[in-house]
N, C-alpha and C. Protein backbone atom coordinates (compact mmCIF):
# COMPACT_ATOMS: atom_id res chain seq x y z
N MET A 1 61.06 -5.42 4.96
CA MET A 1 59.76 -4.89 5.08
C MET A 1 59.09 -5.69 6.40
N ILE A 2 59.07 -6.75 6.95
CA ILE A 2 59.37 -7.72 7.56
C ILE A 2 58.89 -6.44 9.18
N ARG A 3 60.20 -6.30 9.11
CA ARG A 3 61.11 -4.69 9.94
C ARG A 3 59.33 -3.29 10.55
N ASP A 4 59.37 -3.40 9.13
CA ASP A 4 58.11 -2.42 9.06
C ASP A 4 56.82 -2.91 10.34
N PHE A 5 57.17 -4.09 9.73
CA PHE A 5 55.26 -4.66 10.23
C PHE A 5 55.55 -4.66 11.94
N ARG A 6 56.83 -4.90 12.24
CA ARG A 6 57.14 -5.06 13.65
C ARG A 6 57.07 -3.80 14.35
N LYS A 7 57.71 -2.97 13.79
CA LYS A 7 57.84 -1.57 14.08
C LYS A 7 56.50 -1.11 14.04
N GLY A 8 55.15 -1.22 13.45
CA GLY A 8 53.94 -0.27 13.43
C GLY A 8 54.42 0.44 12.22
N ARG A 9 55.64 0.46 10.84
CA ARG A 9 55.44 1.21 10.25
C ARG A 9 54.20 1.02 9.07
N ALA A 10 53.83 0.12 8.93
CA ALA A 10 52.83 -0.76 8.32
C ALA A 10 51.76 -0.24 8.69
N GLN A 11 51.09 -0.05 9.68
CA GLN A 11 50.08 0.54 10.31
C GLN A 11 49.58 1.81 10.32
N ARG A 12 51.12 2.59 10.05
CA ARG A 12 50.82 3.86 9.92
C ARG A 12 50.87 4.89 8.81
N LEU A 13 51.37 3.85 7.71
CA LEU A 13 51.66 4.04 6.31
C LEU A 13 50.64 3.78 5.80
N LEU A 14 49.65 2.57 5.96
CA LEU A 14 48.29 2.24 5.07
C LEU A 14 47.52 2.97 5.38
N ALA A 15 47.53 3.62 7.01
CA ALA A 15 46.61 4.52 7.54
C ALA A 15 46.17 6.09 7.17
N ALA A 16 47.64 6.39 6.55
CA ALA A 16 48.13 7.64 6.24
C ALA A 16 47.38 7.42 4.17
N ALA A 17 47.77 6.94 3.96
CA ALA A 17 47.35 6.53 2.73
C ALA A 17 46.49 6.14 1.98
N THR A 18 45.54 5.89 3.33
CA THR A 18 44.00 5.58 3.56
C THR A 18 43.71 7.83 3.26
N ALA A 19 44.03 7.36 4.23
CA ALA A 19 43.22 9.46 4.95
C ALA A 19 43.81 9.95 3.82
N ALA A 20 45.09 10.05 2.85
CA ALA A 20 45.31 10.54 1.74
C ALA A 20 44.47 10.48 0.08
N SER A 21 43.77 9.53 0.58
CA SER A 21 42.90 8.86 -0.84
C SER A 21 41.67 9.32 -0.32
N ALA A 22 41.34 8.64 0.36
CA ALA A 22 39.52 9.09 0.74
C ALA A 22 38.99 10.23 0.38
N LEU A 23 39.75 11.13 1.00
CA LEU A 23 38.97 12.56 0.23
C LEU A 23 38.93 12.97 -1.14
N PRO A 24 40.02 13.22 -1.94
CA PRO A 24 39.79 13.26 -3.06
C PRO A 24 39.04 12.18 -4.06
N LEU A 25 38.83 10.92 -3.42
CA LEU A 25 37.66 9.86 -3.79
C LEU A 25 35.94 10.51 -3.75
N GLY A 26 36.41 10.74 -3.21
CA GLY A 26 34.86 11.31 -2.22
C GLY A 26 35.14 12.55 -2.94
N ALA A 27 35.74 13.83 -3.16
CA ALA A 27 35.24 14.95 -4.37
C ALA A 27 34.79 13.84 -5.75
N GLU A 28 35.39 12.98 -5.93
CA GLU A 28 35.05 12.60 -7.13
C GLU A 28 33.96 12.08 -7.36
N ILE A 29 33.67 11.69 -6.45
CA ILE A 29 32.08 10.72 -6.40
C ILE A 29 31.35 11.87 -6.43
N TYR A 30 31.58 12.77 -5.39
CA TYR A 30 30.35 13.84 -5.35
C TYR A 30 29.87 14.53 -6.51
N VAL A 31 31.70 15.34 -7.65
CA VAL A 31 30.82 15.64 -8.69
C VAL A 31 30.15 14.18 -9.98
N ASN A 32 30.78 13.32 -9.50
CA ASN A 32 29.94 12.22 -10.87
C ASN A 32 28.92 12.64 -10.31
N HIS A 33 27.60 11.77 -8.95
CA HIS A 33 26.37 11.95 -8.55
C HIS A 33 26.07 12.96 -8.85
N TYR A 34 27.22 14.06 -8.86
CA TYR A 34 25.83 15.72 -8.65
C TYR A 34 25.40 15.91 -10.19
N GLY A 35 26.30 15.21 -11.28
CA GLY A 35 25.61 14.62 -12.82
C GLY A 35 24.73 14.06 -12.64
N GLY A 36 24.50 12.95 -12.00
CA GLY A 36 23.99 12.37 -11.66
C GLY A 36 22.27 12.37 -11.41
N SER A 37 21.88 13.99 -10.95
CA SER A 37 21.16 14.40 -10.00
C SER A 37 21.44 13.81 -8.59
N PHE A 38 22.23 13.26 -8.37
CA PHE A 38 21.64 12.29 -6.71
C PHE A 38 20.00 11.43 -7.11
N GLY A 39 20.30 11.15 -7.65
CA GLY A 39 18.95 10.07 -8.39
C GLY A 39 18.54 9.82 -7.35
N ASN A 40 19.20 8.70 -6.72
CA ASN A 40 19.46 8.05 -5.46
C ASN A 40 19.23 8.58 -4.33
N ARG A 41 19.08 8.81 -3.28
CA ARG A 41 19.64 8.96 -2.19
C ARG A 41 20.49 7.79 -1.56
N TRP A 42 21.07 6.90 -2.50
CA TRP A 42 21.73 5.82 -1.92
C TRP A 42 23.34 6.78 -1.99
N MET A 43 22.92 7.82 -3.14
CA MET A 43 24.56 8.58 -4.12
C MET A 43 25.16 8.72 -2.88
N TRP A 44 24.15 9.42 -2.15
CA TRP A 44 24.75 10.38 -0.97
C TRP A 44 25.41 9.54 0.02
N THR A 45 26.03 8.26 0.34
CA THR A 45 26.49 7.48 1.49
C THR A 45 27.82 7.75 1.07
N PRO A 46 28.62 7.63 0.10
CA PRO A 46 30.17 7.65 0.21
C PRO A 46 31.00 9.21 0.07
N VAL A 47 29.32 9.78 -0.52
CA VAL A 47 29.84 11.52 -0.16
C VAL A 47 30.04 11.47 1.32
N ALA A 48 29.18 11.09 2.49
CA ALA A 48 29.31 11.13 3.68
C ALA A 48 30.58 10.57 4.00
N LEU A 49 30.75 9.42 3.81
CA LEU A 49 31.76 7.60 4.66
C LEU A 49 32.97 8.14 3.68
N SER A 50 33.29 9.04 2.91
CA SER A 50 34.79 10.20 2.92
C SER A 50 35.25 10.46 4.17
N PRO A 51 34.91 11.68 4.01
CA PRO A 51 35.35 12.78 5.17
C PRO A 51 35.31 11.45 6.37
N ALA A 52 33.97 11.29 7.00
CA ALA A 52 34.64 10.46 8.01
C ALA A 52 35.59 9.37 8.26
N LEU A 53 35.99 8.44 6.56
CA LEU A 53 37.34 7.55 6.58
C LEU A 53 38.43 8.68 6.79
N ALA A 54 38.26 9.56 6.55
CA ALA A 54 39.62 10.02 6.26
C ALA A 54 40.08 10.72 7.38
N ALA A 55 38.92 11.46 8.40
CA ALA A 55 39.24 12.10 9.42
C ALA A 55 39.87 10.41 10.06
N ALA A 56 39.08 9.14 10.34
CA ALA A 56 39.61 7.67 11.21
C ALA A 56 40.61 7.49 10.66
N ALA A 57 40.69 7.87 9.60
CA ALA A 57 42.56 7.13 8.99
C ALA A 57 43.53 8.43 9.54
N ALA A 58 43.25 9.41 9.38
CA ALA A 58 44.26 10.72 10.35
C ALA A 58 44.49 10.11 11.34
N ALA A 59 42.88 10.15 12.40
CA ALA A 59 43.11 10.11 13.66
C ALA A 59 44.07 8.57 13.93
N ALA A 60 44.52 7.02 12.94
CA ALA A 60 44.91 6.15 13.10
C ALA A 60 46.40 6.82 12.86
N VAL A 61 46.52 7.39 12.21
CA VAL A 61 48.04 7.70 12.17
C VAL A 61 48.80 7.99 13.20
N GLY A 62 48.13 8.67 14.25
CA GLY A 62 48.59 9.03 15.26
C GLY A 62 48.31 8.53 16.86
N SER A 63 47.28 7.53 16.47
CA SER A 63 46.81 6.52 17.22
C SER A 63 46.17 5.71 17.66
N GLU A 64 46.92 4.27 18.38
CA GLU A 64 46.57 3.02 18.02
C GLU A 64 45.58 3.11 18.39
N ARG A 65 45.10 3.77 19.50
CA ARG A 65 43.98 3.62 19.97
C ARG A 65 42.52 3.45 19.07
N ALA A 66 42.46 4.54 18.03
CA ALA A 66 41.77 5.61 16.91
C ALA A 66 42.00 3.81 15.65
N ALA A 67 43.30 3.18 16.07
CA ALA A 67 43.16 2.23 14.56
C ALA A 67 42.51 1.22 15.29
N ARG A 68 42.78 1.09 16.08
CA ARG A 68 41.94 -0.37 16.70
C ARG A 68 40.13 -0.79 16.94
N THR A 69 39.64 1.19 17.36
CA THR A 69 38.31 1.30 17.21
C THR A 69 37.24 2.09 16.39
N VAL A 70 37.95 3.58 16.32
CA VAL A 70 37.16 4.24 14.94
C VAL A 70 37.54 3.84 13.93
N LEU A 71 39.04 3.59 12.98
CA LEU A 71 39.38 3.03 11.83
C LEU A 71 38.67 1.91 11.67
N PRO A 72 38.78 0.75 11.88
CA PRO A 72 38.01 -0.36 11.63
C PRO A 72 35.97 -0.20 11.47
N ALA A 73 35.72 0.37 11.94
CA ALA A 73 34.21 0.92 11.97
C ALA A 73 33.92 1.69 10.56
N ALA A 74 34.40 2.93 10.42
CA ALA A 74 34.60 3.68 9.42
C ALA A 74 35.19 3.02 7.76
N ALA A 75 35.65 2.35 8.61
CA ALA A 75 36.55 0.89 6.88
C ALA A 75 35.68 0.54 6.38
N ALA A 76 35.05 -0.34 7.44
CA ALA A 76 34.23 -1.60 7.10
C ALA A 76 32.63 -0.95 6.15
N LEU A 77 32.26 0.28 6.93
CA LEU A 77 31.48 0.53 6.25
C LEU A 77 31.42 1.42 4.90
N THR A 78 32.59 1.99 4.53
CA THR A 78 32.97 2.07 3.36
C THR A 78 33.14 1.21 2.39
N THR A 79 33.94 0.06 3.32
CA THR A 79 34.00 -1.30 2.17
C THR A 79 32.83 -1.45 1.50
N LEU A 80 31.96 -1.90 2.27
CA LEU A 80 30.84 -2.24 2.69
C LEU A 80 30.15 -1.14 1.65
N ASP A 81 29.74 -0.04 1.36
CA ASP A 81 29.03 0.92 0.55
C ASP A 81 29.51 0.99 -0.54
N GLY A 82 30.92 0.54 -0.98
CA GLY A 82 31.94 0.18 -2.18
C GLY A 82 31.25 -0.75 -2.67
N LEU A 83 31.16 -1.99 -2.06
CA LEU A 83 30.43 -2.70 -2.51
C LEU A 83 28.95 -3.42 -2.97
N ALA A 84 28.68 -2.43 -2.00
CA ALA A 84 27.28 -1.80 -2.94
C ALA A 84 26.81 -1.32 -3.86
N GLY A 85 27.84 0.05 -3.92
CA GLY A 85 27.67 0.77 -5.58
C GLY A 85 27.95 -0.10 -6.22
N VAL A 86 28.97 -0.95 -6.36
CA VAL A 86 29.11 -2.03 -7.65
C VAL A 86 27.66 -2.46 -7.90
N TYR A 87 27.13 -2.96 -6.70
CA TYR A 87 25.78 -3.43 -7.52
C TYR A 87 24.96 -2.65 -8.23
N PHE A 88 24.83 -1.60 -7.21
CA PHE A 88 24.14 -0.35 -7.86
C PHE A 88 24.13 0.18 -9.61
N HIS A 89 25.42 0.16 -9.66
CA HIS A 89 25.64 0.87 -10.77
C HIS A 89 25.61 -0.56 -11.68
N LEU A 90 25.81 -1.39 -11.63
CA LEU A 90 25.45 -2.53 -12.62
C LEU A 90 23.92 -2.55 -12.61
N ARG A 91 22.56 -2.39 -11.39
CA ARG A 91 21.85 -2.18 -11.67
C ARG A 91 21.43 -1.62 -12.67
N GLY A 92 22.25 -0.35 -12.19
CA GLY A 92 21.79 0.76 -13.54
C GLY A 92 21.53 0.44 -14.69
N VAL A 93 23.12 -0.35 -15.19
CA VAL A 93 23.68 -0.55 -17.01
C VAL A 93 22.53 -1.18 -17.53
N ALA A 94 21.95 -2.22 -16.51
CA ALA A 94 20.87 -3.12 -17.24
C ALA A 94 19.34 -2.82 -17.30
N ARG A 95 19.73 -1.28 -16.33
CA ARG A 95 18.07 -1.17 -16.54
C ARG A 95 18.03 0.22 -17.57
N LYS A 96 19.21 0.22 -18.09
CA LYS A 96 18.91 0.90 -19.36
C LYS A 96 18.34 0.21 -20.59
N PRO A 97 18.59 1.16 -21.68
CA PRO A 97 17.03 0.63 -23.13
C PRO A 97 18.43 -0.81 -23.54
N GLY A 98 17.96 -1.94 -23.81
CA GLY A 98 18.81 -2.44 -24.20
C GLY A 98 19.43 -3.91 -22.33
N GLY A 99 19.67 -3.16 -21.25
CA GLY A 99 20.69 -3.35 -20.80
C GLY A 99 21.67 -4.31 -21.08
N PHE A 100 22.45 -5.15 -20.82
CA PHE A 100 23.62 -5.91 -21.22
C PHE A 100 24.05 -6.36 -22.88
N ARG A 101 22.72 -6.15 -22.88
CA ARG A 101 22.99 -6.67 -24.53
C ARG A 101 23.51 -6.09 -25.44
N GLU A 102 23.50 -4.58 -25.55
CA GLU A 102 23.44 -3.48 -25.89
C GLU A 102 25.11 -2.96 -25.03
N ALA A 103 25.56 -3.91 -24.23
CA ALA A 103 26.84 -3.74 -23.11
C ALA A 103 27.64 -2.77 -24.07
N THR A 104 28.21 -2.61 -24.67
CA THR A 104 29.01 -1.57 -25.91
C THR A 104 28.88 -0.43 -25.51
N TYR A 105 27.64 -0.04 -25.85
CA TYR A 105 27.20 1.42 -25.85
C TYR A 105 26.47 1.47 -23.99
N ASN A 106 26.15 0.44 -23.40
CA ASN A 106 25.58 1.01 -21.74
C ASN A 106 26.69 0.68 -20.81
N LEU A 107 27.47 0.60 -21.29
CA LEU A 107 29.09 0.33 -20.11
C LEU A 107 29.78 1.29 -19.88
N VAL A 108 29.31 2.30 -21.08
CA VAL A 108 30.28 3.65 -21.19
C VAL A 108 29.56 4.89 -21.10
N MET A 109 28.46 4.62 -21.22
CA MET A 109 26.99 5.52 -21.54
C MET A 109 26.70 5.45 -19.79
N GLY A 110 26.33 4.65 -19.43
CA GLY A 110 25.20 4.68 -18.15
C GLY A 110 26.59 4.96 -17.06
N PRO A 111 26.18 4.13 -16.08
CA PRO A 111 26.89 4.29 -14.30
C PRO A 111 27.91 3.46 -14.71
N PRO A 112 29.84 4.24 -14.23
CA PRO A 112 30.47 3.54 -14.84
C PRO A 112 30.74 2.22 -13.63
N ALA A 113 30.25 0.92 -13.93
CA ALA A 113 30.17 -0.40 -13.63
C ALA A 113 31.26 -0.59 -12.22
N LEU A 114 31.96 -0.31 -12.28
CA LEU A 114 33.14 -0.87 -11.53
C LEU A 114 34.19 0.65 -10.24
N ALA A 115 33.71 1.63 -11.00
CA ALA A 115 34.09 2.70 -10.04
C ALA A 115 34.21 2.72 -8.73
N PRO A 116 32.88 1.88 -8.66
CA PRO A 116 32.56 2.13 -6.92
C PRO A 116 33.36 1.11 -6.09
N GLY A 117 33.94 0.00 -6.80
CA GLY A 117 35.38 -0.78 -6.17
C GLY A 117 36.10 -0.26 -5.99
N ALA A 118 36.66 1.20 -6.20
CA ALA A 118 37.54 2.44 -5.64
C ALA A 118 37.39 2.45 -4.23
N LEU A 119 35.92 2.76 -4.08
CA LEU A 119 35.76 3.24 -3.16
C LEU A 119 35.97 1.69 -1.71
N ALA A 120 35.74 0.72 -2.39
CA ALA A 120 36.10 -0.65 -1.68
C ALA A 120 37.28 -0.65 -1.61
N MET A 121 38.24 -0.42 -2.57
CA MET A 121 39.85 -0.68 -2.30
C MET A 121 39.88 0.14 -1.18
N VAL A 122 39.35 1.88 -1.31
CA VAL A 122 40.16 2.48 0.00
C VAL A 122 39.76 1.89 1.14
N GLY A 123 38.57 1.56 1.15
CA GLY A 123 37.91 0.64 2.68
C GLY A 123 38.56 -0.33 3.16
N ALA A 124 39.00 -0.73 1.88
CA ALA A 124 39.62 -2.23 2.23
C ALA A 124 41.35 -2.43 2.67
N MET A 125 41.95 -0.77 2.72
CA MET A 125 42.91 -0.15 2.90
C MET A 125 42.89 0.07 4.58
N GLY A 126 42.05 0.79 4.55
CA GLY A 126 41.86 0.90 6.02
C GLY A 126 41.29 -0.04 6.93
N LEU A 127 40.44 -1.11 6.75
CA LEU A 127 40.74 -2.73 7.58
C LEU A 127 41.97 -3.06 7.28
N ALA A 128 42.96 -3.06 6.61
CA ALA A 128 44.46 -3.17 6.46
C ALA A 128 44.81 -2.33 7.38
N ALA A 129 44.87 -1.59 7.61
CA ALA A 129 45.83 -0.58 8.02
C ALA A 129 45.15 -1.20 10.41
N ALA A 130 43.92 -1.38 10.18
CA ALA A 130 43.37 -1.63 11.34
C ALA A 130 43.99 -2.97 12.29
N ILE A 131 43.84 -3.98 10.67
CA ILE A 131 44.76 -5.25 11.69
C ILE A 131 46.11 -5.42 11.49
N SER A 132 46.74 -4.39 11.14
CA SER A 132 48.30 -4.10 11.19
C SER A 132 48.73 -3.87 12.67
N GLN A 133 49.50 -4.41 13.28
CA GLN A 133 49.90 -4.56 14.59
C GLN A 133 51.04 -2.66 14.78
N ARG A 134 50.94 -3.02 15.14
CA ARG A 134 51.96 -1.49 15.53
C ARG A 134 52.95 -1.89 16.88
């Protein structure tokens, strides 16, 4: 394991995992936000950031320079967007009739409260790739 970090395999592996998971996650987000009619303009940000993160991570697999410049920026934006999404989803649950007092209903029928955490996690994986040594 430590040998993998010394030879730069961890950076390439984390970047490849980020690139492979960003696009399917972005597609899932698009479908779910489409179901919500993109009622809030912020619903477009994860849809736009997912392909950007996938491209930056794919570039980082082959280029250490991309792993040091483009990937950290895209991954940080994606992580922050995922954390903001958790806030927006929790706010959406709170705005439903009954709010958190009717949590057994509103957490199931409202916006999925912790689903944006997956976006934050993929972004954090990209950040981990960016700080790994090649």
